[in-house]
Amino acid sequence: MTHEEIRNKIQSIFIDVTENAAIVLNDETTADDIDEWDSLVHIQLIVEMERCFGISFTAEEIGGYGNVGQMADGIAEKMGVVPENRP
């Protein structure tokens, strides 16, 4: 699974959890960029990502992700996916 495929799956999760089909994510997207992304939604997103990707996050990891790209990289690492060189 590529970084882009992971990010696309994350985007689907965001759309489902927030019920906002207009959300478009990129690697730099943060909670400040999405009105619906508050602390409660963040927990719902994490739970759904864990379920969808078959992984578990630590509290430190959850608090350490600053944007969607970092989340995707963290998921890739947990899945044993070799990181891609990205701009």
C-alpha atoms as a PDB file:
ATOM      1  CA  MET A   1       0.000   0.000   0.000  1.00  0.00           C
ATOM      2  CA  THR A   2       1.430   3.377  -0.986  1.00  0.00           C
ATOM      3  CA  HIS A   3       1.392   6.600   1.024  1.00  0.00           C
ATOM      4  CA  GLU A   4      -1.217   7.988  -1.373  1.00  0.00           C
ATOM      5  CA  GLU A   5      -3.426   4.904  -0.970  1.00  0.00           C
ATOM      6  CA  ILE A   6      -3.190   5.224   2.810  1.00  0.00           C
ATOM      7  CA  ARG A   7      -4.043   8.931   2.633  1.00  0.00           C
ATOM      8  CA  ASN A   8      -7.007   8.194   0.352  1.00  0.00           C
ATOM      9  CA  LYS A   9      -8.274   5.635   2.843  1.00  0.00           C
ATOM     10  CA  ILE A  10      -7.811   8.194   5.635  1.00  0.00           C
ATOM     11  CA  GLN A  11      -9.837  10.667   3.564  1.00  0.00           C
ATOM     12  CA  SER A  12     -12.672   8.125   3.278  1.00  0.00           C
ATOM     13  CA  ILE A  13     -12.573   7.700   7.061  1.00  0.00           C
ATOM     14  CA  PHE A  14     -12.734  11.479   7.546  1.00  0.00           C
ATOM     15  CA  ILE A  15     -15.728  11.714   5.217  1.00  0.00           C
ATOM     16  CA  ASP A  16     -17.549   8.901   7.032  1.00  0.00           C
ATOM     17  CA  VAL A  17     -16.809  10.147  10.555  1.00  0.00           C
ATOM     18  CA  THR A  18     -17.547  13.820   9.876  1.00  0.00           C
ATOM     19  CA  GLU A  19     -20.369  13.129   7.413  1.00  0.00           C
ATOM     20  CA  ASN A  20     -18.834  15.787   5.156  1.00  0.00           C
ATOM     21  CA  ALA A  21     -18.329  14.534   1.599  1.00  0.00           C
ATOM     22  CA  ALA A  22     -16.580  17.784   0.623  1.00  0.00           C
ATOM     23  CA  ILE A  23     -13.454  17.056   2.685  1.00  0.00           C
ATOM     24  CA  VAL A  24     -10.290  16.801   0.603  1.00  0.00           C
ATOM     25  CA  LEU A  25      -7.091  15.973   2.465  1.00  0.00           C
ATOM     26  CA  ASN A  26      -3.458  16.518   1.600  1.00  0.00           C
ATOM     27  CA  ASP A  27      -0.344  15.759   3.639  1.00  0.00           C
ATOM     28  CA  GLU A  28      -0.331  19.222   5.219  1.00  0.00           C
ATOM     29  CA  THR A  29      -3.989  19.155   6.371  1.00  0.00           C
ATOM     30  CA  THR A  30      -4.378  19.794  10.116  1.00  0.00           C
ATOM     31  CA  ALA A  31      -7.304  20.043  12.518  1.00  0.00           C
ATOM     32  CA  ASP A  32      -7.257  23.816  11.968  1.00  0.00           C
ATOM     33  CA  ASP A  33      -8.178  23.232   8.317  1.00  0.00           C
ATOM     34  CA  ILE A  34     -11.363  21.198   8.975  1.00  0.00           C
ATOM     35  CA  ASP A  35     -14.153  22.727  11.043  1.00  0.00           C
ATOM     36  CA  GLU A  36     -15.527  19.342  12.128  1.00  0.00           C
ATOM     37  CA  TRP A  37     -12.154  18.071  13.386  1.00  0.00           C
ATOM     38  CA  ASP A  38     -12.422  18.657  17.130  1.00  0.00           C
ATOM     39  CA  SER A  39     -11.130  16.516  20.006  1.00  0.00           C
ATOM     40  CA  LEU A  40     -14.125  14.153  19.986  1.00  0.00           C
ATOM     41  CA  VAL A  41     -13.935  13.648  16.234  1.00  0.00           C
ATOM     42  CA  HIS A  42     -10.173  13.099  16.573  1.00  0.00           C
ATOM     43  CA  ILE A  43     -10.801  10.131  18.885  1.00  0.00           C
ATOM     44  CA  GLN A  44     -13.444   8.763  16.505  1.00  0.00           C
ATOM     45  CA  LEU A  45     -11.010   9.110  13.600  1.00  0.00           C
ATOM     46  CA  ILE A  46      -8.249   7.292  15.496  1.00  0.00           C
ATOM     47  CA  VAL A  47     -10.567   4.438  16.500  1.00  0.00           C
ATOM     48  CA  GLU A  48     -11.788   4.046  12.926  1.00  0.00           C
ATOM     49  CA  MET A  49      -8.218   4.152  11.510  1.00  0.00           C
ATOM     50  CA  GLU A  50      -7.137   1.468  13.973  1.00  0.00           C
ATOM     51  CA  ARG A  51     -10.063  -0.700  12.905  1.00  0.00           C
ATOM     52  CA  CYS A  52      -9.646  -0.057   9.196  1.00  0.00           C
ATOM     53  CA  PHE A  53      -5.881  -0.603   9.056  1.00  0.00           C
ATOM     54  CA  GLY A  54      -5.726  -3.314  11.758  1.00  0.00           C
ATOM     55  CA  ILE A  55      -3.267  -1.359  13.909  1.00  0.00           C
ATOM     56  CA  SER A  56      -3.120   0.280  17.344  1.00  0.00           C
ATOM     57  CA  PHE A  57      -1.766   3.714  18.227  1.00  0.00           C
ATOM     58  CA  THR A  58      -0.125   4.672  21.504  1.00  0.00           C
ATOM     59  CA  ALA A  59      -1.226   7.855  23.277  1.00  0.00           C
ATOM     60  CA  GLU A  60       2.148   9.372  22.413  1.00  0.00           C
ATOM     61  CA  GLU A  61       1.668   8.632  18.713  1.00  0.00           C
ATOM     62  CA  ILE A  62      -1.846  10.055  18.713  1.00  0.00           C
ATOM     63  CA  GLY A  63      -0.636  13.305  20.283  1.00  0.00           C
ATOM     64  CA  GLY A  64       2.443  13.498  18.081  1.00  0.00           C
ATOM     65  CA  TYR A  65       0.803  13.611  14.666  1.00  0.00           C
ATOM     66  CA  GLY A  66       0.689  17.205  13.489  1.00  0.00           C
ATOM     67  CA  ASN A  67      -0.932  16.643  10.109  1.00  0.00           C
ATOM     68  CA  VAL A  68      -2.471  14.023   7.839  1.00  0.00           C
ATOM     69  CA  GLY A  69       0.868  13.211   6.175  1.00  0.00           C
ATOM     70  CA  GLN A  70       2.383  12.310   9.543  1.00  0.00           C
ATOM     71  CA  MET A  71      -0.640  10.118  10.301  1.00  0.00           C
ATOM     72  CA  ALA A  72      -0.246   8.344   6.960  1.00  0.00           C
ATOM     73  CA  ASP A  73       3.484   7.844   7.615  1.00  0.00           C
ATOM     74  CA  GLY A  74       2.722   6.448  11.083  1.00  0.00           C
ATOM     75  CA  ILE A  75       0.171   4.036   9.658  1.00  0.00           C
ATOM     76  CA  ALA A  76       2.587   2.954   6.920  1.00  0.00           C
ATOM     77  CA  GLU A  77       5.289   2.303   9.497  1.00  0.00           C
ATOM     78  CA  LYS A  78       2.936   0.208  11.632  1.00  0.00           C
ATOM     79  CA  MET A  79       1.935  -1.777   8.556  1.00  0.00           C
ATOM     80  CA  GLY A  80       5.575  -2.368   7.596  1.00  0.00           C
ATOM     81  CA  VAL A  81       5.300  -0.288   4.426  1.00  0.00           C
ATOM     82  CA  VAL A  82       8.595   1.186   3.233  1.00  0.00           C
ATOM     83  CA  PRO A  83       8.361   5.005   3.240  1.00  0.00           C
ATOM     84  CA  GLU A  84       8.354   6.716  -0.130  1.00  0.00           C
ATOM     85  CA  ASN A  85      10.449   9.721  -1.013  1.00  0.00           C
ATOM     86  CA  ARG A  86       7.964  12.554  -1.101  1.00  0.00           C
ATOM     87  CA  PRO A  87       8.458  16.279  -1.661  1.00  0.00           C
END
